[in-house]
mmCIF file of all heavy atoms, coordinates in Angstrom:
data_MODEL
# 
_entry.id   MODEL 
# 
loop_
_atom_site.group_PDB 
_atom_site.id 
_atom_site.type_symbol 
_atom_site.label_atom_id 
_atom_site.label_alt_id 
_atom_site.label_comp_id 
_atom_site.label_asym_id 
_atom_site.label_entity_id 
_atom_site.label_seq_id 
_atom_site.pdbx_PDB_ins_code 
_atom_site.Cartn_x 
_atom_site.Cartn_y 
_atom_site.Cartn_z 
_atom_site.occupancy 
_atom_site.B_iso_or_equiv 
_atom_site.pdbx_formal_charge 
_atom_site.auth_seq_id 
_atom_site.auth_comp_id 
_atom_site.auth_asym_id 
_atom_site.auth_atom_id 
_atom_site.pdbx_PDB_model_num 
ATOM 1   N N   . GLU A 1 1  ? -12.435 12.768  -68.320 1.00 0.00 ? 1  GLU A N   1 
ATOM 2   C CA  . GLU A 1 1  ? -11.077 13.305  -68.477 1.00 0.00 ? 1  GLU A CA  1 
ATOM 3   C C   . GLU A 1 1  ? -10.163 12.574  -67.492 1.00 0.00 ? 1  GLU A C   1 
ATOM 4   O O   . GLU A 1 1  ? -10.245 12.770  -66.281 1.00 0.00 ? 1  GLU A O   1 
ATOM 5   C CB  . GLU A 1 1  ? -11.059 14.806  -68.194 1.00 0.00 ? 1  GLU A CB  1 
ATOM 6   C CG  . GLU A 1 1  ? -9.764  15.489  -68.584 1.00 0.00 ? 1  GLU A CG  1 
ATOM 7   C CD  . GLU A 1 1  ? -9.513  15.451  -70.081 1.00 0.00 ? 1  GLU A CD  1 
ATOM 8   O OE1 . GLU A 1 1  ? -10.378 15.897  -70.843 1.00 0.00 ? 1  GLU A OE1 1 
ATOM 9   O OE2 . GLU A 1 1  ? -8.432  14.951  -70.467 1.00 0.00 ? 1  GLU A OE2 1 
ATOM 10  N N   . ALA A 1 2  ? -9.327  11.682  -68.033 1.00 0.00 ? 2  ALA A N   1 
ATOM 11  C CA  . ALA A 1 2  ? -8.556  10.777  -67.190 1.00 0.00 ? 2  ALA A CA  1 
ATOM 12  C C   . ALA A 1 2  ? -7.064  11.088  -67.242 1.00 0.00 ? 2  ALA A C   1 
ATOM 13  O O   . ALA A 1 2  ? -6.520  11.465  -68.284 1.00 0.00 ? 2  ALA A O   1 
ATOM 14  C CB  . ALA A 1 2  ? -8.790  9.330   -67.612 1.00 0.00 ? 2  ALA A CB  1 
ATOM 15  N N   . ILE A 1 3  ? -6.417  10.914  -66.125 1.00 0.00 ? 3  ILE A N   1 
ATOM 16  C CA  . ILE A 1 3  ? -4.958  10.971  -66.021 1.00 0.00 ? 3  ILE A CA  1 
ATOM 17  C C   . ILE A 1 3  ? -4.466  9.545   -65.878 1.00 0.00 ? 3  ILE A C   1 
ATOM 18  O O   . ILE A 1 3  ? -4.834  8.851   -64.920 1.00 0.00 ? 3  ILE A O   1 
ATOM 19  C CB  . ILE A 1 3  ? -4.506  11.808  -64.807 1.00 0.00 ? 3  ILE A CB  1 
ATOM 20  C CG1 . ILE A 1 3  ? -5.022  13.242  -64.927 1.00 0.00 ? 3  ILE A CG1 1 
ATOM 21  C CG2 . ILE A 1 3  ? -2.988  11.794  -64.681 1.00 0.00 ? 3  ILE A CG2 1 
ATOM 22  C CD1 . ILE A 1 3  ? -4.748  14.093  -63.693 1.00 0.00 ? 3  ILE A CD1 1 
ATOM 23  N N   . ARG A 1 4  ? -3.676  9.078   -66.831 1.00 0.00 ? 4  ARG A N   1 
ATOM 24  C CA  . ARG A 1 4  ? -3.174  7.712   -66.791 1.00 0.00 ? 4  ARG A CA  1 
ATOM 25  C C   . ARG A 1 4  ? -2.267  7.510   -65.584 1.00 0.00 ? 4  ARG A C   1 
ATOM 26  O O   . ARG A 1 4  ? -1.420  8.353   -65.261 1.00 0.00 ? 4  ARG A O   1 
ATOM 27  C CB  . ARG A 1 4  ? -2.411  7.382   -68.057 1.00 0.00 ? 4  ARG A CB  1 
ATOM 28  C CG  . ARG A 1 4  ? -3.265  7.264   -69.306 1.00 0.00 ? 4  ARG A CG  1 
ATOM 29  C CD  . ARG A 1 4  ? -2.402  6.953   -70.510 1.00 0.00 ? 4  ARG A CD  1 
ATOM 30  N NE  . ARG A 1 4  ? -1.638  5.725   -70.296 1.00 0.00 ? 4  ARG A NE  1 
ATOM 31  C CZ  . ARG A 1 4  ? -0.615  5.355   -71.070 1.00 0.00 ? 4  ARG A CZ  1 
ATOM 32  N NH1 . ARG A 1 4  ? -0.219  6.136   -72.063 1.00 0.00 ? 4  ARG A NH1 1 
ATOM 33  N NH2 . ARG A 1 4  ? 0.017   4.231   -70.834 1.00 0.00 ? 4  ARG A NH2 1 
ATOM 34  N N   . LEU A 1 5  ? -2.420  6.385   -64.930 1.00 0.00 ? 5  LEU A N   1 
ATOM 35  C CA  . LEU A 1 5  ? -1.618  6.083   -63.748 1.00 0.00 ? 5  LEU A CA  1 
ATOM 36  C C   . LEU A 1 5  ? -0.128  6.066   -64.070 1.00 0.00 ? 5  LEU A C   1 
ATOM 37  O O   . LEU A 1 5  ? 0.685   6.640   -63.332 1.00 0.00 ? 5  LEU A O   1 
ATOM 38  C CB  . LEU A 1 5  ? -2.048  4.731   -63.166 1.00 0.00 ? 5  LEU A CB  1 
ATOM 39  C CG  . LEU A 1 5  ? -1.231  4.225   -61.965 1.00 0.00 ? 5  LEU A CG  1 
ATOM 40  C CD1 . LEU A 1 5  ? -1.330  5.190   -60.802 1.00 0.00 ? 5  LEU A CD1 1 
ATOM 41  C CD2 . LEU A 1 5  ? -1.699  2.829   -61.563 1.00 0.00 ? 5  LEU A CD2 1 
ATOM 42  N N   . ALA A 1 6  ? 0.254   5.402   -65.165 1.00 0.00 ? 6  ALA A N   1 
ATOM 43  C CA  . ALA A 1 6  ? 1.674   5.317   -65.516 1.00 0.00 ? 6  ALA A CA  1 
ATOM 44  C C   . ALA A 1 6  ? 2.268   6.704   -65.742 1.00 0.00 ? 6  ALA A C   1 
ATOM 45  O O   . ALA A 1 6  ? 3.393   6.990   -65.315 1.00 0.00 ? 6  ALA A O   1 
ATOM 46  C CB  . ALA A 1 6  ? 1.857   4.451   -66.758 1.00 0.00 ? 6  ALA A CB  1 
ATOM 47  N N   . ASN A 1 7  ? 1.520   7.578   -66.415 1.00 0.00 ? 7  ASN A N   1 
ATOM 48  C CA  . ASN A 1 7  ? 2.016   8.936   -66.643 1.00 0.00 ? 7  ASN A CA  1 
ATOM 49  C C   . ASN A 1 7  ? 2.152   9.709   -65.333 1.00 0.00 ? 7  ASN A C   1 
ATOM 50  O O   . ASN A 1 7  ? 3.104   10.466  -65.130 1.00 0.00 ? 7  ASN A O   1 
ATOM 51  C CB  . ASN A 1 7  ? 1.072   9.687   -67.586 1.00 0.00 ? 7  ASN A CB  1 
ATOM 52  C CG  . ASN A 1 7  ? 1.231   9.239   -69.027 1.00 0.00 ? 7  ASN A CG  1 
ATOM 53  O OD1 . ASN A 1 7  ? 2.109   8.430   -69.343 1.00 0.00 ? 7  ASN A OD1 1 
ATOM 54  N ND2 . ASN A 1 7  ? 0.377   9.738   -69.898 1.00 0.00 ? 7  ASN A ND2 1 
ATOM 55  N N   . TRP A 1 8  ? 1.170   9.524   -64.453 1.00 0.00 ? 8  TRP A N   1 
ATOM 56  C CA  . TRP A 1 8  ? 1.204   10.266  -63.190 1.00 0.00 ? 8  TRP A CA  1 
ATOM 57  C C   . TRP A 1 8  ? 2.385   9.817   -62.322 1.00 0.00 ? 8  TRP A C   1 
ATOM 58  O O   . TRP A 1 8  ? 3.061   10.641  -61.697 1.00 0.00 ? 8  TRP A O   1 
ATOM 59  C CB  . TRP A 1 8  ? -0.113  10.081  -62.442 1.00 0.00 ? 8  TRP A CB  1 
ATOM 60  C CG  . TRP A 1 8  ? -0.214  10.921  -61.210 1.00 0.00 ? 8  TRP A CG  1 
ATOM 61  C CD1 . TRP A 1 8  ? -0.097  10.501  -59.924 1.00 0.00 ? 8  TRP A CD1 1 
ATOM 62  C CD2 . TRP A 1 8  ? -0.414  12.337  -61.153 1.00 0.00 ? 8  TRP A CD2 1 
ATOM 63  N NE1 . TRP A 1 8  ? -0.220  11.549  -59.047 1.00 0.00 ? 8  TRP A NE1 1 
ATOM 64  C CE2 . TRP A 1 8  ? -0.414  12.699  -59.793 1.00 0.00 ? 8  TRP A CE2 1 
ATOM 65  C CE3 . TRP A 1 8  ? -0.595  13.319  -62.124 1.00 0.00 ? 8  TRP A CE3 1 
ATOM 66  C CZ2 . TRP A 1 8  ? -0.588  14.011  -59.372 1.00 0.00 ? 8  TRP A CZ2 1 
ATOM 67  C CZ3 . TRP A 1 8  ? -0.779  14.624  -61.705 1.00 0.00 ? 8  TRP A CZ3 1 
ATOM 68  C CH2 . TRP A 1 8  ? -0.771  14.964  -60.353 1.00 0.00 ? 8  TRP A CH2 1 
ATOM 69  N N   . ILE A 1 9  ? 2.635   8.517   -62.303 1.00 0.00 ? 9  ILE A N   1 
ATOM 70  C CA  . ILE A 1 9  ? 3.778   8.001   -61.540 1.00 0.00 ? 9  ILE A CA  1 
ATOM 71  C C   . ILE A 1 9  ? 5.081   8.563   -62.098 1.00 0.00 ? 9  ILE A C   1 
ATOM 72  O O   . ILE A 1 9  ? 5.966   9.009   -61.350 1.00 0.00 ? 9  ILE A O   1 
ATOM 73  C CB  . ILE A 1 9  ? 3.788   6.456   -61.568 1.00 0.00 ? 9  ILE A CB  1 
ATOM 74  C CG1 . ILE A 1 9  ? 2.615   5.911   -60.753 1.00 0.00 ? 9  ILE A CG1 1 
ATOM 75  C CG2 . ILE A 1 9  ? 5.100   5.909   -61.015 1.00 0.00 ? 9  ILE A CG2 1 
ATOM 76  C CD1 . ILE A 1 9  ? 2.448   4.404   -60.868 1.00 0.00 ? 9  ILE A CD1 1 
ATOM 77  N N   . ALA A 1 10 ? 5.219   8.539   -63.426 1.00 0.00 ? 10 ALA A N   1 
ATOM 78  C CA  . ALA A 1 10 ? 6.445   9.033   -64.043 1.00 0.00 ? 10 ALA A CA  1 
ATOM 79  C C   . ALA A 1 10 ? 6.630   10.529  -63.827 1.00 0.00 ? 10 ALA A C   1 
ATOM 80  O O   . ALA A 1 10 ? 7.757   11.013  -63.694 1.00 0.00 ? 10 ALA A O   1 
ATOM 81  C CB  . ALA A 1 10 ? 6.432   8.716   -65.540 1.00 0.00 ? 10 ALA A CB  1 
ATOM 82  N N   . ALA A 1 11 ? 5.525   11.272  -63.782 1.00 0.00 ? 11 ALA A N   1 
ATOM 83  C CA  . ALA A 1 11 ? 5.618   12.726  -63.635 1.00 0.00 ? 11 ALA A CA  1 
ATOM 84  C C   . ALA A 1 11 ? 5.813   13.162  -62.190 1.00 0.00 ? 11 ALA A C   1 
ATOM 85  O O   . ALA A 1 11 ? 6.098   14.337  -61.937 1.00 0.00 ? 11 ALA A O   1 
ATOM 86  C CB  . ALA A 1 11 ? 4.351   13.377  -64.198 1.00 0.00 ? 11 ALA A CB  1 
ATOM 87  N N   . ASN A 1 12 ? 5.665   12.217  -61.249 1.00 0.00 ? 12 ASN A N   1 
ATOM 88  C CA  . ASN A 1 12 ? 5.774   12.577  -59.836 1.00 0.00 ? 12 ASN A CA  1 
ATOM 89  C C   . ASN A 1 12 ? 6.726   11.640  -59.095 1.00 0.00 ? 12 ASN A C   1 
ATOM 90  O O   . ASN A 1 12 ? 6.328   10.903  -58.191 1.00 0.00 ? 12 ASN A O   1 
ATOM 91  C CB  . ASN A 1 12 ? 4.397   12.541  -59.171 1.00 0.00 ? 12 ASN A CB  1 
ATOM 92  C CG  . ASN A 1 12 ? 3.483   13.639  -59.658 1.00 0.00 ? 12 ASN A CG  1 
ATOM 93  O OD1 . ASN A 1 12 ? 3.523   14.764  -59.176 1.00 0.00 ? 12 ASN A OD1 1 
ATOM 94  N ND2 . ASN A 1 12 ? 2.656   13.299  -60.644 1.00 0.00 ? 12 ASN A ND2 1 
ATOM 95  N N   . PRO A 1 13 ? 8.001   11.643  -59.471 1.00 0.00 ? 13 PRO A N   1 
ATOM 96  C CA  . PRO A 1 13 ? 8.956   10.796  -58.742 1.00 0.00 ? 13 PRO A CA  1 
ATOM 97  C C   . PRO A 1 13 ? 9.152   11.318  -57.325 1.00 0.00 ? 13 PRO A C   1 
ATOM 98  O O   . PRO A 1 13 ? 8.922   12.501  -57.042 1.00 0.00 ? 13 PRO A O   1 
ATOM 99  C CB  . PRO A 1 13 ? 10.244  10.940  -59.562 1.00 0.00 ? 13 PRO A CB  1 
ATOM 100 C CG  . PRO A 1 13 ? 10.124  12.298  -60.196 1.00 0.00 ? 13 PRO A CG  1 
ATOM 101 C CD  . PRO A 1 13 ? 8.661   12.464  -60.509 1.00 0.00 ? 13 PRO A CD  1 
ATOM 102 N N   . ARG A 1 14 ? 9.553   10.415  -56.456 1.00 0.00 ? 14 ARG A N   1 
ATOM 103 C CA  . ARG A 1 14 ? 9.793   10.823  -55.071 1.00 0.00 ? 14 ARG A CA  1 
ATOM 104 C C   . ARG A 1 14 ? 11.051  11.664  -55.030 1.00 0.00 ? 14 ARG A C   1 
ATOM 105 O O   . ARG A 1 14 ? 12.129  11.216  -55.401 1.00 0.00 ? 14 ARG A O   1 
ATOM 106 C CB  . ARG A 1 14 ? 9.943   9.599   -54.180 1.00 0.00 ? 14 ARG A CB  1 
ATOM 107 C CG  . ARG A 1 14 ? 10.089  9.944   -52.703 1.00 0.00 ? 14 ARG A CG  1 
ATOM 108 C CD  . ARG A 1 14 ? 9.839   8.725   -51.848 1.00 0.00 ? 14 ARG A CD  1 
ATOM 109 N NE  . ARG A 1 14 ? 9.851   9.055   -50.439 1.00 0.00 ? 14 ARG A NE  1 
ATOM 110 C CZ  . ARG A 1 14 ? 9.374   8.278   -49.484 1.00 0.00 ? 14 ARG A CZ  1 
ATOM 111 N NH1 . ARG A 1 14 ? 8.857   7.117   -49.803 1.00 0.00 ? 14 ARG A NH1 1 
ATOM 112 N NH2 . ARG A 1 14 ? 9.422   8.642   -48.218 1.00 0.00 ? 14 ARG A NH2 1 
ATOM 113 N N   . ARG A 1 15 ? 10.892  12.894  -54.569 1.00 0.00 ? 15 ARG A N   1 
ATOM 114 C CA  . ARG A 1 15 ? 12.023  13.819  -54.545 1.00 0.00 ? 15 ARG A CA  1 
ATOM 115 C C   . ARG A 1 15 ? 12.543  13.990  -53.126 1.00 0.00 ? 15 ARG A C   1 
ATOM 116 O O   . ARG A 1 15 ? 11.869  13.685  -52.163 1.00 0.00 ? 15 ARG A O   1 
ATOM 117 C CB  . ARG A 1 15 ? 11.622  15.176  -55.120 1.00 0.00 ? 15 ARG A CB  1 
ATOM 118 C CG  . ARG A 1 15 ? 11.297  15.123  -56.602 1.00 0.00 ? 15 ARG A CG  1 
ATOM 119 C CD  . ARG A 1 15 ? 10.933  16.489  -57.134 1.00 0.00 ? 15 ARG A CD  1 
ATOM 120 N NE  . ARG A 1 15 ? 10.788  16.482  -58.582 1.00 0.00 ? 15 ARG A NE  1 
ATOM 121 C CZ  . ARG A 1 15 ? 9.683   16.159  -59.222 1.00 0.00 ? 15 ARG A CZ  1 
ATOM 122 N NH1 . ARG A 1 15 ? 8.624   15.799  -58.536 1.00 0.00 ? 15 ARG A NH1 1 
ATOM 123 N NH2 . ARG A 1 15 ? 9.635   16.181  -60.543 1.00 0.00 ? 15 ARG A NH2 1 
ATOM 124 N N   . GLY A 1 16 ? 13.740  14.497  -53.049 1.00 0.00 ? 16 GLY A N   1 
ATOM 125 C CA  . GLY A 1 16 ? 14.343  14.745  -51.742 1.00 0.00 ? 16 GLY A CA  1 
ATOM 126 C C   . GLY A 1 16 ? 15.784  15.160  -51.931 1.00 0.00 ? 16 GLY A C   1 
ATOM 127 O O   . GLY A 1 16 ? 16.404  14.893  -52.961 1.00 0.00 ? 16 GLY A O   1 
ATOM 128 N N   . GLY A 1 17 ? 16.317  15.803  -50.958 1.00 0.00 ? 17 GLY A N   1 
ATOM 129 C CA  . GLY A 1 17 ? 17.709  16.217  -51.031 1.00 0.00 ? 17 GLY A CA  1 
ATOM 130 C C   . GLY A 1 17 ? 18.332  16.166  -49.663 1.00 0.00 ? 17 GLY A C   1 
ATOM 131 O O   . GLY A 1 17 ? 17.639  16.014  -48.655 1.00 0.00 ? 17 GLY A O   1 
ATOM 132 N N   . GLY A 1 18 ? 19.614  16.271  -49.631 1.00 0.00 ? 18 GLY A N   1 
ATOM 133 C CA  . GLY A 1 18 ? 20.292  16.289  -48.344 1.00 0.00 ? 18 GLY A CA  1 
ATOM 134 C C   . GLY A 1 18 ? 20.881  14.949  -47.998 1.00 0.00 ? 18 GLY A C   1 
ATOM 135 O O   . GLY A 1 18 ? 21.529  14.287  -48.819 1.00 0.00 ? 18 GLY A O   1 
ATOM 136 N N   . THR A 1 19 ? 20.663  14.505  -46.786 1.00 0.00 ? 19 THR A N   1 
ATOM 137 C CA  . THR A 1 19 ? 21.288  13.308  -46.257 1.00 0.00 ? 19 THR A CA  1 
ATOM 138 C C   . THR A 1 19 ? 20.732  12.047  -46.910 1.00 0.00 ? 19 THR A C   1 
ATOM 139 O O   . THR A 1 19 ? 19.523  11.896  -47.086 1.00 0.00 ? 19 THR A O   1 
ATOM 140 C CB  . THR A 1 19 ? 21.061  13.230  -44.734 1.00 0.00 ? 19 THR A CB  1 
ATOM 141 O OG1 . THR A 1 19 ? 21.535  14.429  -44.140 1.00 0.00 ? 19 THR A OG1 1 
ATOM 142 C CG2 . THR A 1 19 ? 21.799  12.046  -44.147 1.00 0.00 ? 19 THR A CG2 1 
ATOM 143 N N   . ASN A 1 20 ? 21.654  11.139  -47.252 1.00 0.00 ? 20 ASN A N   1 
ATOM 144 C CA  . ASN A 1 20 ? 21.249  9.890   -47.890 1.00 0.00 ? 20 ASN A CA  1 
ATOM 145 C C   . ASN A 1 20 ? 20.840  8.849   -46.850 1.00 0.00 ? 20 ASN A C   1 
ATOM 146 O O   . ASN A 1 20 ? 21.587  8.575   -45.900 1.00 0.00 ? 20 ASN A O   1 
ATOM 147 C CB  . ASN A 1 20 ? 22.404  9.310   -48.716 1.00 0.00 ? 20 ASN A CB  1 
ATOM 148 C CG  . ASN A 1 20 ? 22.724  10.150  -49.932 1.00 0.00 ? 20 ASN A CG  1 
ATOM 149 O OD1 . ASN A 1 20 ? 21.879  10.874  -50.443 1.00 0.00 ? 20 ASN A OD1 1 
ATOM 150 N ND2 . ASN A 1 20 ? 23.956  10.057  -50.408 1.00 0.00 ? 20 ASN A ND2 1 
ATOM 151 N N   . ILE A 1 21 ? 19.674  8.282   -47.049 1.00 0.00 ? 21 ILE A N   1 
ATOM 152 C CA  . ILE A 1 21 ? 19.255  7.099   -46.300 1.00 0.00 ? 21 ILE A CA  1 
ATOM 153 C C   . ILE A 1 21 ? 18.964  6.010   -47.319 1.00 0.00 ? 21 ILE A C   1 
ATOM 154 O O   . ILE A 1 21 ? 18.160  6.205   -48.233 1.00 0.00 ? 21 ILE A O   1 
ATOM 155 C CB  . ILE A 1 21 ? 18.019  7.380   -45.429 1.00 0.00 ? 21 ILE A CB  1 
ATOM 156 C CG1 . ILE A 1 21 ? 18.395  8.312   -44.276 1.00 0.00 ? 21 ILE A CG1 1 
ATOM 157 C CG2 . ILE A 1 21 ? 17.424  6.083   -44.887 1.00 0.00 ? 21 ILE A CG2 1 
ATOM 158 C CD1 . ILE A 1 21 ? 17.258  8.629   -43.322 1.00 0.00 ? 21 ILE A CD1 1 
ATOM 159 N N   . GLY A 1 22 ? 19.633  4.892   -47.181 1.00 0.00 ? 22 GLY A N   1 
ATOM 160 C CA  . GLY A 1 22 ? 19.460  3.798   -48.122 1.00 0.00 ? 22 GLY A CA  1 
ATOM 161 C C   . GLY A 1 22 ? 18.299  2.906   -47.738 1.00 0.00 ? 22 GLY A C   1 
ATOM 162 O O   . GLY A 1 22 ? 18.003  2.720   -46.562 1.00 0.00 ? 22 GLY A O   1 
ATOM 163 N N   . VAL A 1 23 ? 17.633  2.357   -48.752 1.00 0.00 ? 23 VAL A N   1 
ATOM 164 C CA  . VAL A 1 23 ? 16.567  1.374   -48.541 1.00 0.00 ? 23 VAL A CA  1 
ATOM 165 C C   . VAL A 1 23 ? 16.872  0.168   -49.425 1.00 0.00 ? 23 VAL A C   1 
ATOM 166 O O   . VAL A 1 23 ? 16.973  0.295   -50.641 1.00 0.00 ? 23 VAL A O   1 
ATOM 167 C CB  . VAL A 1 23 ? 15.172  1.932   -48.892 1.00 0.00 ? 23 VAL A CB  1 
ATOM 168 C CG1 . VAL A 1 23 ? 14.111  0.851   -48.686 1.00 0.00 ? 23 VAL A CG1 1 
ATOM 169 C CG2 . VAL A 1 23 ? 14.848  3.149   -48.057 1.00 0.00 ? 23 VAL A CG2 1 
ATOM 170 N N   . VAL A 1 24 ? 17.065  -0.979  -48.812 1.00 0.00 ? 24 VAL A N   1 
ATOM 171 C CA  . VAL A 1 24 ? 17.306  -2.212  -49.560 1.00 0.00 ? 24 VAL A CA  1 
ATOM 172 C C   . VAL A 1 24 ? 16.175  -3.177  -49.241 1.00 0.00 ? 24 VAL A C   1 
ATOM 173 O O   . VAL A 1 24 ? 15.745  -3.297  -48.094 1.00 0.00 ? 24 VAL A O   1 
ATOM 174 C CB  . VAL A 1 24 ? 18.678  -2.835  -49.211 1.00 0.00 ? 24 VAL A CB  1 
ATOM 175 C CG1 . VAL A 1 24 ? 18.764  -3.233  -47.748 1.00 0.00 ? 24 VAL A CG1 1 
ATOM 176 C CG2 . VAL A 1 24 ? 18.979  -4.021  -50.120 1.00 0.00 ? 24 VAL A CG2 1 
ATOM 177 N N   . THR A 1 25 ? 15.669  -3.839  -50.271 1.00 0.00 ? 25 THR A N   1 
ATOM 178 C CA  . THR A 1 25 ? 14.519  -4.730  -50.118 1.00 0.00 ? 25 THR A CA  1 
ATOM 179 C C   . THR A 1 25 ? 14.951  -6.187  -50.188 1.00 0.00 ? 25 THR A C   1 
ATOM 180 O O   . THR A 1 25 ? 15.658  -6.590  -51.119 1.00 0.00 ? 25 THR A O   1 
ATOM 181 C CB  . THR A 1 25 ? 13.480  -4.462  -51.214 1.00 0.00 ? 25 THR A CB  1 
ATOM 182 O OG1 . THR A 1 25 ? 13.037  -3.106  -51.123 1.00 0.00 ? 25 THR A OG1 1 
ATOM 183 C CG2 . THR A 1 25 ? 12.277  -5.387  -51.064 1.00 0.00 ? 25 THR A CG2 1 
ATOM 184 N N   . VAL A 1 26 ? 14.520  -6.951  -49.196 1.00 0.00 ? 26 VAL A N   1 
ATOM 185 C CA  . VAL A 1 26 ? 14.649  -8.406  -49.229 1.00 0.00 ? 26 VAL A CA  1 
ATOM 186 C C   . VAL A 1 26 ? 13.248  -8.922  -49.520 1.00 0.00 ? 26 VAL A C   1 
ATOM 187 O O   . VAL A 1 26 ? 12.433  -9.102  -48.622 1.00 0.00 ? 26 VAL A O   1 
ATOM 188 C CB  . VAL A 1 26 ? 15.187  -8.964  -47.899 1.00 0.00 ? 26 VAL A CB  1 
ATOM 189 C CG1 . VAL A 1 26 ? 15.283  -10.484 -47.953 1.00 0.00 ? 26 VAL A CG1 1 
ATOM 190 C CG2 . VAL A 1 26 ? 16.545  -8.358  -47.582 1.00 0.00 ? 26 VAL A CG2 1 
ATOM 191 N N   . GLY A 1 27 ? 12.949  -9.094  -50.800 1.00 0.00 ? 27 GLY A N   1 
ATOM 192 C CA  . GLY A 1 27 ? 11.595  -9.434  -51.220 1.00 0.00 ? 27 GLY A CA  1 
ATOM 193 C C   . GLY A 1 27 ? 11.532  -10.785 -51.899 1.00 0.00 ? 27 GLY A C   1 
ATOM 194 O O   . GLY A 1 27 ? 12.351  -11.109 -52.752 1.00 0.00 ? 27 GLY A O   1 
ATOM 195 N N   . GLY A 1 28 ? 10.565  -11.594 -51.517 1.00 0.00 ? 28 GLY A N   1 
ATOM 196 C CA  . GLY A 1 28 ? 10.382  -12.903 -52.122 1.00 0.00 ? 28 GLY A CA  1 
ATOM 197 C C   . GLY A 1 28 ? 11.207  -13.972 -51.424 1.00 0.00 ? 28 GLY A C   1 
ATOM 198 O O   . GLY A 1 28 ? 11.868  -13.719 -50.418 1.00 0.00 ? 28 GLY A O   1 
ATOM 199 N N   . PRO A 1 29 ? 11.191  -15.187 -51.952 1.00 0.00 ? 29 PRO A N   1 
ATOM 200 C CA  . PRO A 1 29 ? 11.959  -16.280 -51.352 1.00 0.00 ? 29 PRO A CA  1 
ATOM 201 C C   . PRO A 1 29 ? 13.451  -15.947 -51.312 1.00 0.00 ? 29 PRO A C   1 
ATOM 202 O O   . PRO A 1 29 ? 13.991  -15.351 -52.245 1.00 0.00 ? 29 PRO A O   1 
ATOM 203 C CB  . PRO A 1 29 ? 11.684  -17.466 -52.279 1.00 0.00 ? 29 PRO A CB  1 
ATOM 204 C CG  . PRO A 1 29 ? 10.421  -17.121 -52.999 1.00 0.00 ? 29 PRO A CG  1 
ATOM 205 C CD  . PRO A 1 29 ? 10.420  -15.633 -53.127 1.00 0.00 ? 29 PRO A CD  1 
# 
């Protein structure tokens, strides 16, 4: 009995409320 990874990721987004902290990625060349 398997839970698909893609489904689990979609069903469990990172939640939070209140103060905004931004995250910007400088990834790759």
